[in-house]
Amino acid sequence: MATRATYKFGSRLGITTVIYNHWDGYPEGAAEHLQGVRTAEDFLRKNENSEITESHELHGDTEYRYNIEAIKPKNTLGQVTIAAFKRVNFTEKWEQFFYGTSDEFAAKYLQKGAA
């Protein structure tokens, strides 16, 4: 389904990379796109139809935005935090609907049987 989304990856060095994906940007699709992903490079390798873009704001037709950050504490190795936003009635307002770890995002939105 053509549900457009952008994914903003932050690094510990303060560098950000934003990726645009034309397809399956709704939470269940994003959960599949993000499964096993920690970095922008991981995302691009896994999602071949995605492209690097300048910012969330560059694509005015997106319905979802995801901010992905690596977690620093040692006890959460391999985890990232995800903040997810949905456009409010196609206005310029965005509403956060999720904040948590990648495991929590997958548990909530990954469709059963998807691997």
Protein backbone atom coordinates (compact mmCIF):
# COMPACT_ATOMS: atom_id res chain seq x y z
CA MET A 1 0.00 0.00 0.00
CA ALA A 2 1.36 3.46 -0.85
CA THR A 3 1.55 4.85 2.66
CA ARG A 4 4.54 7.17 2.61
CA ALA A 5 6.89 7.61 5.57
CA THR A 6 10.25 9.01 6.52
CA TYR A 7 12.70 7.40 8.93
CA LYS A 8 15.25 9.60 10.70
CA PHE A 9 18.27 7.77 12.10
CA GLY A 10 20.43 9.49 14.69
CA SER A 11 23.95 8.41 15.55
CA ARG A 12 25.96 8.84 18.72
CA LEU A 13 28.18 11.23 16.75
CA GLY A 14 25.26 13.59 16.18
CA ILE A 15 24.94 12.71 12.50
CA THR A 16 21.42 12.15 11.19
CA THR A 17 20.25 10.40 8.06
CA VAL A 18 16.66 10.63 6.83
CA ILE A 19 15.24 7.98 4.54
CA TYR A 20 12.04 8.20 2.48
CA ASN A 21 10.00 5.11 1.70
CA HIS A 22 6.94 5.27 -0.57
CA TRP A 23 5.42 1.99 0.59
CA ASP A 24 3.96 0.50 3.79
CA GLY A 25 4.76 3.36 6.17
CA TYR A 26 1.86 2.55 8.50
CA PRO A 27 2.99 1.07 11.87
CA GLU A 28 2.66 -2.61 10.88
CA GLY A 29 4.66 -2.04 7.69
CA ALA A 30 7.23 0.07 9.50
CA ALA A 31 7.66 -2.73 12.06
CA GLU A 32 8.66 -5.04 9.21
CA HIS A 33 10.93 -2.39 7.66
CA LEU A 34 12.64 -1.81 11.02
CA GLN A 35 12.93 -5.41 12.20
CA GLY A 36 16.61 -6.14 12.86
CA VAL A 37 17.63 -2.59 11.86
CA ARG A 38 19.90 -0.37 14.00
CA THR A 39 21.30 2.09 11.47
CA ALA A 40 20.36 3.92 8.28
CA GLU A 41 22.73 1.60 6.41
CA ASP A 42 20.89 -1.45 7.77
CA PHE A 43 17.57 0.09 6.69
CA LEU A 44 18.76 0.80 3.14
CA ARG A 45 20.15 -2.71 2.73
CA LYS A 46 16.90 -4.28 3.93
CA ASN A 47 14.53 -1.92 2.08
CA GLU A 48 15.86 -1.55 -1.45
CA ASN A 49 13.13 0.84 -2.63
CA SER A 50 14.05 3.44 -0.01
CA GLU A 51 16.13 6.55 -0.67
CA ILE A 52 18.11 9.03 1.39
CA THR A 53 16.40 12.41 1.60
CA GLU A 54 17.12 15.79 3.14
CA SER A 55 14.56 15.88 5.96
CA HIS A 56 11.19 14.72 7.24
CA GLU A 57 9.71 17.99 5.95
CA LEU A 58 10.91 17.61 2.34
CA HIS A 59 8.18 15.10 1.51
CA GLY A 60 4.86 16.86 2.13
CA ASP A 61 2.81 13.76 1.29
CA THR A 62 4.02 11.52 4.10
CA GLU A 63 1.60 10.17 6.68
CA TYR A 64 4.13 8.84 9.18
CA ARG A 65 7.50 9.85 10.62
CA TYR A 66 9.81 7.63 12.64
CA ASN A 67 12.83 8.78 14.65
CA ILE A 68 15.28 6.00 15.47
CA GLU A 69 18.11 6.42 17.99
CA ALA A 70 20.66 3.93 19.32
CA ILE A 71 20.43 3.29 23.05
CA LYS A 72 23.70 3.78 24.89
CA PRO A 73 23.42 1.66 28.09
CA LYS A 74 25.23 -1.69 27.90
CA ASN A 75 22.25 -3.66 29.24
CA THR A 76 20.20 -2.77 26.15
CA LEU A 77 22.77 -3.81 23.55
CA GLY A 78 21.17 -4.14 20.15
CA GLN A 79 18.19 -1.97 20.99
CA VAL A 80 17.14 1.32 19.52
CA THR A 81 14.44 3.72 20.62
CA ILE A 82 11.68 4.58 18.21
CA ALA A 83 9.51 7.67 18.37
CA ALA A 84 6.62 7.38 15.90
CA PHE A 85 4.41 10.21 14.66
CA LYS A 86 1.24 10.32 12.53
CA ARG A 87 0.04 13.33 10.57
CA VAL A 88 -3.18 14.77 11.98
CA ASN A 89 -5.87 14.92 9.26
CA PHE A 90 -3.33 15.82 6.55
CA THR A 91 -2.47 19.10 8.29
CA GLU A 92 1.00 20.26 9.28
CA LYS A 93 0.42 18.88 12.80
CA TRP A 94 1.99 15.63 13.94
CA GLU A 95 0.93 13.48 16.88
CA GLN A 96 3.25 11.04 18.63
CA PHE A 97 1.61 7.63 18.97
CA PHE A 98 4.56 5.51 20.12
CA TYR A 99 7.80 5.86 22.05
CA GLY A 100 9.84 2.87 23.18
CA THR A 101 12.40 0.26 22.21
CA SER A 102 12.53 -1.58 18.91
CA ASP A 103 11.41 -4.76 20.71
CA GLU A 104 8.37 -2.95 22.14
CA PHE A 105 7.53 -1.54 18.69
CA ALA A 106 7.79 -5.00 17.13
CA ALA A 107 5.67 -6.57 19.89
CA LYS A 108 2.95 -3.99 19.34
CA TYR A 109 2.93 -3.72 15.54
CA LEU A 110 4.73 -6.66 13.91
CA GLN A 111 2.14 -8.91 12.33
CA LYS A 112 2.02 -12.45 13.69
CA GLY A 113 4.00 -14.81 11.52
CA ALA A 114 6.15 -12.06 9.97
CA ALA A 115 9.86 -12.74 10.30
